[in-house]
Amino acid sequence: MPLRLVFMGTPDFAVPTLLELAGSGRKIAAVYTRAAKPGGRRGLELVPSPVEREARRLGIPVLTPASLKGADEQTAFARHEADAAVVVAYGLILPKPILNAPQHGCFNLHASLLPRWRGAAPINRAIMAGDAETGVTVMKMDEGLDTGGMALIERIPIGAAMTAGELHDTMAPRGAKLMAQAISELEQGRLKLAPQPVEGVTYAAKIDKGETRIDWGRPWNNVHDHMRGLAPFPGAWFELGKDRIKVLRSARGEGSGAPGTVLDDRLTIACASGAVRIVELQKAGGKPMRTEDFLRGTAVQAGARLG
């Protein structure tokens, strides 16, 4: 028998899972998401989250509480009489009364191979660390930070040039199908949970603005992984004169020199060992462009030193 669900999610990453579950004919009693934020031109209009937009299009009731710690919100949640809750990048902590309200509990889709990269930014951190593989994990939530028992896992390779944006777009639909499979197995009484390994725990801290500036004094592969792990958002950047340049795509370059030195007319930059070639970039306030197009309008001489 199909389960009655509550869906909890906010960003684009969560949308495929919402659509997958709604498209299967399951009853979604309510969608919880973060409240609309100021945006648009001059920030004068409130912009709903991607999940809220899709939920309203589907005719599903939407709730946007600022917190779930209060008794009133917990009582309101219990009134949905959900069999299970599905949580995908929601953005709020679920206290114990919320976790225990659905008959079968709350199930989270996490964008890593747990217990590696628990926390807020698993996609970025996996690439920034140079991981060759990641994945999506469906787990039953408990009060810890991504510590619950694991139900299903799917492994996903990380290409040597893959950006965080590309990995995000690969993982989201595959995670949606994995969650749908988990809910189907739960309905059939076949879903099994396994405890997370004690070894191999790492934490994916939220990306801080202070770590987005490029440090040329690192080996080329570390610089390359840093760039692609932050592309397209928030973006790794360097200074060229008075301009801040965000790197959207890079590759291994040829040559060597003092870190931060421009080595040729293709914007190849020396690192502590080896070099990185900038393939695609974006000036502050500008549009993304190929490096060759950028260099047609901006002269960058070999031998120049970048900030």
Protein backbone atom coordinates (compact mmCIF):
# COMPACT_ATOMS: atom_id res chain seq x y z
CA MET A 1 0.00 0.00 0.00
CA PRO A 2 1.46 3.43 -0.93
CA LEU A 3 2.76 5.40 2.02
CA ARG A 4 1.51 8.83 2.98
CA LEU A 5 4.54 11.13 2.84
CA VAL A 6 5.77 14.53 3.93
CA PHE A 7 8.52 15.97 1.72
CA MET A 8 11.17 18.32 3.14
CA GLY A 9 13.66 20.02 0.83
CA THR A 10 14.76 23.37 -0.53
CA PRO A 11 17.28 23.66 -3.43
CA ASP A 12 17.38 22.41 -7.01
CA PHE A 13 19.06 19.20 -5.82
CA ALA A 14 15.82 18.19 -4.04
CA VAL A 15 13.45 18.84 -6.95
CA PRO A 16 14.01 15.55 -8.88
CA THR A 17 13.17 13.54 -5.76
CA LEU A 18 9.96 15.49 -5.20
CA LEU A 19 8.96 14.97 -8.84
CA GLU A 20 9.86 11.28 -8.74
CA LEU A 21 7.71 10.64 -5.68
CA ALA A 22 4.80 12.80 -6.84
CA GLY A 23 4.91 11.20 -10.29
CA SER A 24 4.57 7.74 -8.79
CA GLY A 25 1.11 8.56 -7.50
CA ARG A 26 2.05 8.59 -3.82
CA LYS A 27 0.17 10.95 -1.54
CA ILE A 28 2.39 13.83 -0.42
CA ALA A 29 0.47 15.45 2.41
CA ALA A 30 2.69 18.52 2.62
CA VAL A 31 5.97 20.00 1.48
CA TYR A 32 8.26 21.75 3.95
CA THR A 33 10.85 24.14 2.54
CA ARG A 34 12.81 27.25 3.49
CA ALA A 35 10.96 30.53 3.25
CA ALA A 36 11.20 32.71 0.14
CA LYS A 37 14.15 35.11 0.12
CA PRO A 38 14.56 38.59 -1.37
CA GLY A 39 15.80 38.38 -4.94
CA GLY A 40 15.11 39.50 -8.46
CA ARG A 41 16.00 43.00 -9.56
CA ARG A 42 17.36 45.00 -6.64
CA GLY A 43 16.17 42.29 -4.27
CA LEU A 44 12.69 43.80 -4.07
CA GLU A 45 10.68 40.63 -4.65
CA LEU A 46 10.54 37.43 -2.62
CA VAL A 47 11.83 34.44 -4.55
CA PRO A 48 10.49 31.02 -3.49
CA SER A 49 12.80 28.03 -3.26
CA PRO A 50 12.95 25.65 -6.25
CA VAL A 51 11.06 23.06 -4.18
CA GLU A 52 8.32 25.52 -3.29
CA ARG A 53 7.82 26.44 -6.95
CA GLU A 54 7.41 22.80 -7.96
CA ALA A 55 5.18 21.93 -5.02
CA ARG A 56 2.80 24.78 -5.78
CA ARG A 57 2.73 23.77 -9.45
CA LEU A 58 1.76 20.27 -8.32
CA GLY A 59 -0.90 21.61 -5.96
CA ILE A 60 0.78 20.31 -2.80
CA PRO A 61 0.38 22.38 0.40
CA VAL A 62 3.62 24.23 1.28
CA LEU A 63 4.85 25.19 4.74
CA THR A 64 7.87 27.40 5.44
CA PRO A 65 8.51 27.50 9.20
CA ALA A 66 11.64 29.25 10.37
CA SER A 67 12.22 26.48 12.92
CA LEU A 68 10.76 23.12 13.93
CA LYS A 69 11.80 23.35 17.58
CA GLY A 70 8.54 24.83 18.85
CA ALA A 71 5.65 22.75 20.19
CA ASP A 72 3.16 24.37 17.80
CA GLU A 73 5.19 23.43 14.72
CA GLN A 74 5.73 19.91 16.03
CA THR A 75 2.02 19.45 16.66
CA ALA A 76 1.21 20.76 13.18
CA PHE A 77 3.72 18.31 11.68
CA ALA A 78 2.18 15.38 13.55
CA ARG A 79 -1.26 16.29 12.19
CA HIS A 80 -0.14 15.28 8.69
CA GLU A 81 -0.27 11.68 9.95
CA ALA A 82 2.58 10.77 7.61
CA ASP A 83 3.84 7.24 7.31
CA ALA A 84 7.30 8.59 6.46
CA ALA A 85 9.09 11.84 5.73
CA VAL A 86 11.53 12.26 2.85
CA VAL A 87 14.26 14.84 3.46
CA VAL A 88 16.59 16.21 0.76
CA ALA A 89 18.81 19.22 1.54
CA TYR A 90 16.09 20.84 3.63
CA GLY A 91 18.31 23.18 5.63
CA LEU A 92 16.70 22.96 9.08
CA ILE A 93 17.53 20.67 11.99
CA LEU A 94 14.83 18.08 12.70
CA PRO A 95 14.36 17.71 16.47
CA LYS A 96 13.44 14.37 18.00
CA PRO A 97 9.64 14.95 18.04
CA ILE A 98 9.74 15.56 14.27
CA LEU A 99 11.96 12.53 13.64
CA ASN A 100 9.59 10.33 15.64
CA ALA A 101 6.29 11.68 14.29
CA PRO A 102 6.03 9.59 11.08
CA GLN A 103 5.24 5.93 11.69
CA HIS A 104 8.34 4.71 9.81
CA GLY A 105 10.56 7.71 10.54
CA CYS A 106 12.37 10.24 8.34
CA PHE A 107 14.58 9.22 5.42
CA ASN A 108 17.31 11.48 4.07
CA LEU A 109 19.02 11.51 0.68
CA HIS A 110 22.63 12.53 1.28
CA ALA A 111 25.05 13.43 -1.52
CA SER A 112 28.03 11.31 -0.46
CA LEU A 113 29.14 7.81 0.38
CA LEU A 114 28.55 7.95 4.10
CA PRO A 115 30.26 8.16 6.51
CA ARG A 116 32.58 10.19 4.26
CA TRP A 117 31.53 13.83 3.92
CA ARG A 118 28.79 14.14 6.47
CA GLY A 119 27.50 17.70 6.62
CA ALA A 120 26.56 20.69 4.51
CA ALA A 121 28.77 20.65 1.39
CA PRO A 122 29.54 17.04 0.41
CA ILE A 123 29.61 17.63 -3.35
CA ASN A 124 32.10 20.49 -3.15
CA ARG A 125 34.29 18.82 -0.55
CA ALA A 126 34.58 15.55 -2.45
CA ILE A 127 35.95 17.32 -5.52
CA MET A 128 38.12 19.74 -3.56
CA ALA A 129 39.73 16.73 -1.85
CA GLY A 130 40.45 15.09 -5.20
CA ASP A 131 38.16 12.10 -4.57
CA ALA A 132 37.78 9.79 -7.57
CA GLU A 133 34.39 8.53 -6.40
CA THR A 134 31.37 9.66 -4.44
CA GLY A 135 27.73 8.64 -4.41
CA VAL A 136 24.27 9.05 -2.93
CA THR A 137 23.07 7.44 0.28
CA VAL A 138 19.55 6.96 1.62
CA MET A 139 19.60 6.78 5.41
CA LYS A 140 17.08 6.78 8.23
CA MET A 141 17.65 9.96 10.19
CA ASP A 142 18.53 10.14 13.87
CA GLU A 143 19.56 13.08 16.06
CA GLY A 144 23.18 13.06 14.86
CA LEU A 145 24.68 14.85 11.87
CA ASP A 146 24.13 12.39 9.01
CA THR A 147 24.79 9.46 11.36
CA GLY A 148 21.68 7.33 10.80
CA GLY A 149 21.49 3.77 9.53
CA MET A 150 22.04 3.38 5.79
CA ALA A 151 19.39 1.82 3.55
CA LEU A 152 20.64 2.17 -0.03
CA ILE A 153 23.85 3.43 -1.64
CA GLU A 154 24.78 4.17 -5.26
CA ARG A 155 28.38 4.92 -6.23
CA ILE A 156 29.20 7.65 -8.77
CA PRO A 157 32.64 8.26 -10.32
CA ILE A 158 34.09 11.77 -10.32
CA GLY A 159 35.80 12.61 -13.61
CA ALA A 160 39.18 14.32 -13.49
CA ALA A 161 37.72 17.53 -14.96
CA MET A 162 34.22 17.31 -13.47
CA THR A 163 32.98 20.43 -11.70
CA ALA A 164 30.75 20.59 -8.65
CA GLY A 165 27.90 21.78 -10.86
CA GLU A 166 28.25 18.81 -13.20
CA LEU A 167 28.44 16.36 -10.32
CA HIS A 168 25.36 17.96 -8.73
CA ASP A 169 23.41 17.51 -11.96
CA THR A 170 24.49 13.86 -12.20
CA MET A 171 23.69 13.02 -8.60
CA ALA A 172 20.28 14.68 -8.27
CA PRO A 173 18.28 12.44 -10.64
CA ARG A 174 20.12 9.30 -9.57
CA GLY A 175 19.46 10.13 -5.95
CA ALA A 176 15.79 10.65 -6.77
CA LYS A 177 15.49 7.16 -8.20
CA LEU A 178 17.36 5.71 -5.24
CA MET A 179 14.97 7.36 -2.79
CA ALA A 180 11.97 6.13 -4.77
CA GLN A 181 13.41 2.62 -4.59
CA ALA A 182 13.88 2.97 -0.83
CA ILE A 183 10.29 4.10 -0.32
CA SER A 184 9.05 1.22 -2.49
CA GLU A 185 11.03 -1.27 -0.41
CA LEU A 186 9.71 0.35 2.77
CA GLU A 187 6.15 -0.10 1.52
CA GLN A 188 6.84 -3.76 0.89
CA GLY A 189 8.48 -4.28 4.26
CA ARG A 190 11.82 -5.14 2.62
CA LEU A 191 13.91 -2.08 3.49
CA LYS A 192 16.92 -3.00 5.63
CA LEU A 193 19.24 -0.66 7.49
CA ALA A 194 22.95 -1.05 8.15
CA PRO A 195 24.92 1.01 10.69
CA GLN A 196 27.50 3.38 9.28
CA PRO A 197 31.14 2.27 9.55
CA VAL A 198 33.05 3.70 12.48
CA GLU A 199 36.10 4.33 10.31
CA GLY A 200 36.29 6.78 7.42
CA VAL A 201 34.23 9.58 8.92
CA THR A 202 34.89 13.03 7.43
CA TYR A 203 32.90 16.26 7.63
CA ALA A 204 31.90 18.52 4.75
CA ALA A 205 31.82 21.94 6.36
CA LYS A 206 29.87 24.71 4.67
CA ILE A 207 32.00 26.62 2.18
CA ASP A 208 33.38 29.78 3.73
CA LYS A 209 34.03 32.88 1.62
CA GLY A 210 37.53 33.01 3.04
CA GLU A 211 38.54 29.79 1.33
CA THR A 212 37.40 30.71 -2.18
CA ARG A 213 40.48 32.75 -3.11
CA ILE A 214 42.96 30.71 -5.19
CA ASP A 215 46.30 29.92 -3.59
CA TRP A 216 48.85 29.45 -6.39
CA GLY A 217 51.36 28.26 -3.81
CA ARG A 218 49.89 24.76 -3.87
CA PRO A 219 50.57 21.90 -6.33
CA TRP A 220 48.72 22.22 -9.63
CA ASN A 221 46.36 19.32 -8.94
CA ASN A 222 45.27 20.83 -5.62
CA VAL A 223 44.63 24.19 -7.31
CA HIS A 224 42.70 22.47 -10.11
CA ASP A 225 40.56 20.50 -7.62
CA HIS A 226 39.90 23.68 -5.64
CA MET A 227 38.72 25.49 -8.76
CA ARG A 228 36.41 22.76 -10.06
CA GLY A 229 35.12 21.96 -6.57
CA LEU A 230 33.80 25.53 -6.28
CA ALA A 231 32.51 25.87 -9.86
CA PRO A 232 30.17 27.38 -10.75
CA PHE A 233 29.19 28.54 -7.26
CA PRO A 234 30.49 30.17 -5.15
CA GLY A 235 33.51 30.12 -7.47
CA ALA A 236 37.26 30.12 -6.85
CA TRP A 237 38.78 33.46 -7.81
CA PHE A 238 41.93 35.50 -8.32
CA GLU A 239 42.65 39.17 -8.89
CA LEU A 240 43.75 40.58 -12.22
CA GLY A 241 44.50 44.25 -11.70
CA LYS A 242 41.39 45.63 -10.03
CA ASP A 243 39.14 42.87 -11.36
CA ARG A 244 38.10 39.75 -9.50
CA ILE A 245 38.08 36.78 -11.88
CA LYS A 246 36.11 33.64 -11.07
CA VAL A 247 37.38 30.39 -12.60
CA LEU A 248 34.68 28.11 -14.00
CA ARG A 249 36.85 25.49 -15.68
CA SER A 250 40.53 24.61 -15.66
CA ALA A 251 42.97 22.00 -16.95
CA ARG A 252 46.55 20.93 -16.40
CA GLY A 253 48.97 23.39 -17.94
CA GLU A 254 52.52 23.09 -19.23
CA GLY A 255 55.55 24.80 -17.74
CA SER A 256 56.74 26.01 -14.37
CA GLY A 257 57.69 29.19 -12.60
CA ALA A 258 57.14 31.22 -9.48
CA PRO A 259 53.62 30.56 -8.14
CA GLY A 260 51.08 32.94 -9.67
CA THR A 261 53.19 33.72 -12.76
CA VAL A 262 51.44 33.80 -16.16
CA LEU A 263 53.43 31.40 -18.36
CA ASP A 264 51.97 31.94 -21.84
CA ASP A 265 49.27 33.63 -23.93
CA ARG A 266 46.64 31.00 -22.96
CA LEU A 267 46.44 32.06 -19.30
CA THR A 268 48.48 29.17 -17.95
CA ILE A 269 49.45 29.93 -14.35
CA ALA A 270 52.41 28.48 -12.47
CA CYS A 271 51.69 26.73 -9.18
CA ALA A 272 54.04 25.44 -6.47
CA SER A 273 54.61 22.45 -8.73
CA GLY A 274 53.26 22.28 -12.26
CA ALA A 275 50.74 24.70 -13.72
CA VAL A 276 47.03 25.20 -14.30
CA ARG A 277 45.47 26.55 -17.50
CA ILE A 278 42.29 28.61 -17.13
CA VAL A 279 39.74 27.34 -19.65
CA GLU A 280 36.58 29.26 -18.72
CA LEU A 281 36.15 32.27 -16.45
CA GLN A 282 33.84 35.08 -15.39
CA LYS A 283 34.56 38.67 -14.42
CA ALA A 284 32.61 40.08 -11.49
CA GLY A 285 29.28 41.24 -12.86
CA GLY A 286 29.98 39.69 -16.28
CA LYS A 287 28.96 36.58 -18.16
CA PRO A 288 30.88 33.29 -18.31
CA MET A 289 33.27 33.15 -21.24
CA ARG A 290 36.00 31.04 -22.75
CA THR A 291 39.48 32.22 -21.87
CA GLU A 292 40.42 32.88 -25.50
CA ASP A 293 37.43 35.24 -25.82
CA PHE A 294 38.39 37.00 -22.60
CA LEU A 295 41.98 37.48 -23.78
CA ARG A 296 40.82 39.16 -27.01
CA GLY A 297 39.63 42.08 -24.93
CA THR A 298 42.04 41.90 -22.00
CA ALA A 299 45.79 41.73 -22.51
CA VAL A 300 47.58 39.48 -20.03
CA GLN A 301 51.30 39.26 -20.72
CA ALA A 302 53.45 36.22 -20.03
CA GLY A 303 55.53 36.93 -16.95
CA ALA A 304 52.78 38.87 -15.19
CA ARG A 305 52.08 37.93 -11.57
CA LEU A 306 48.51 37.37 -10.44
CA GLY A 307 47.15 38.43 -7.08
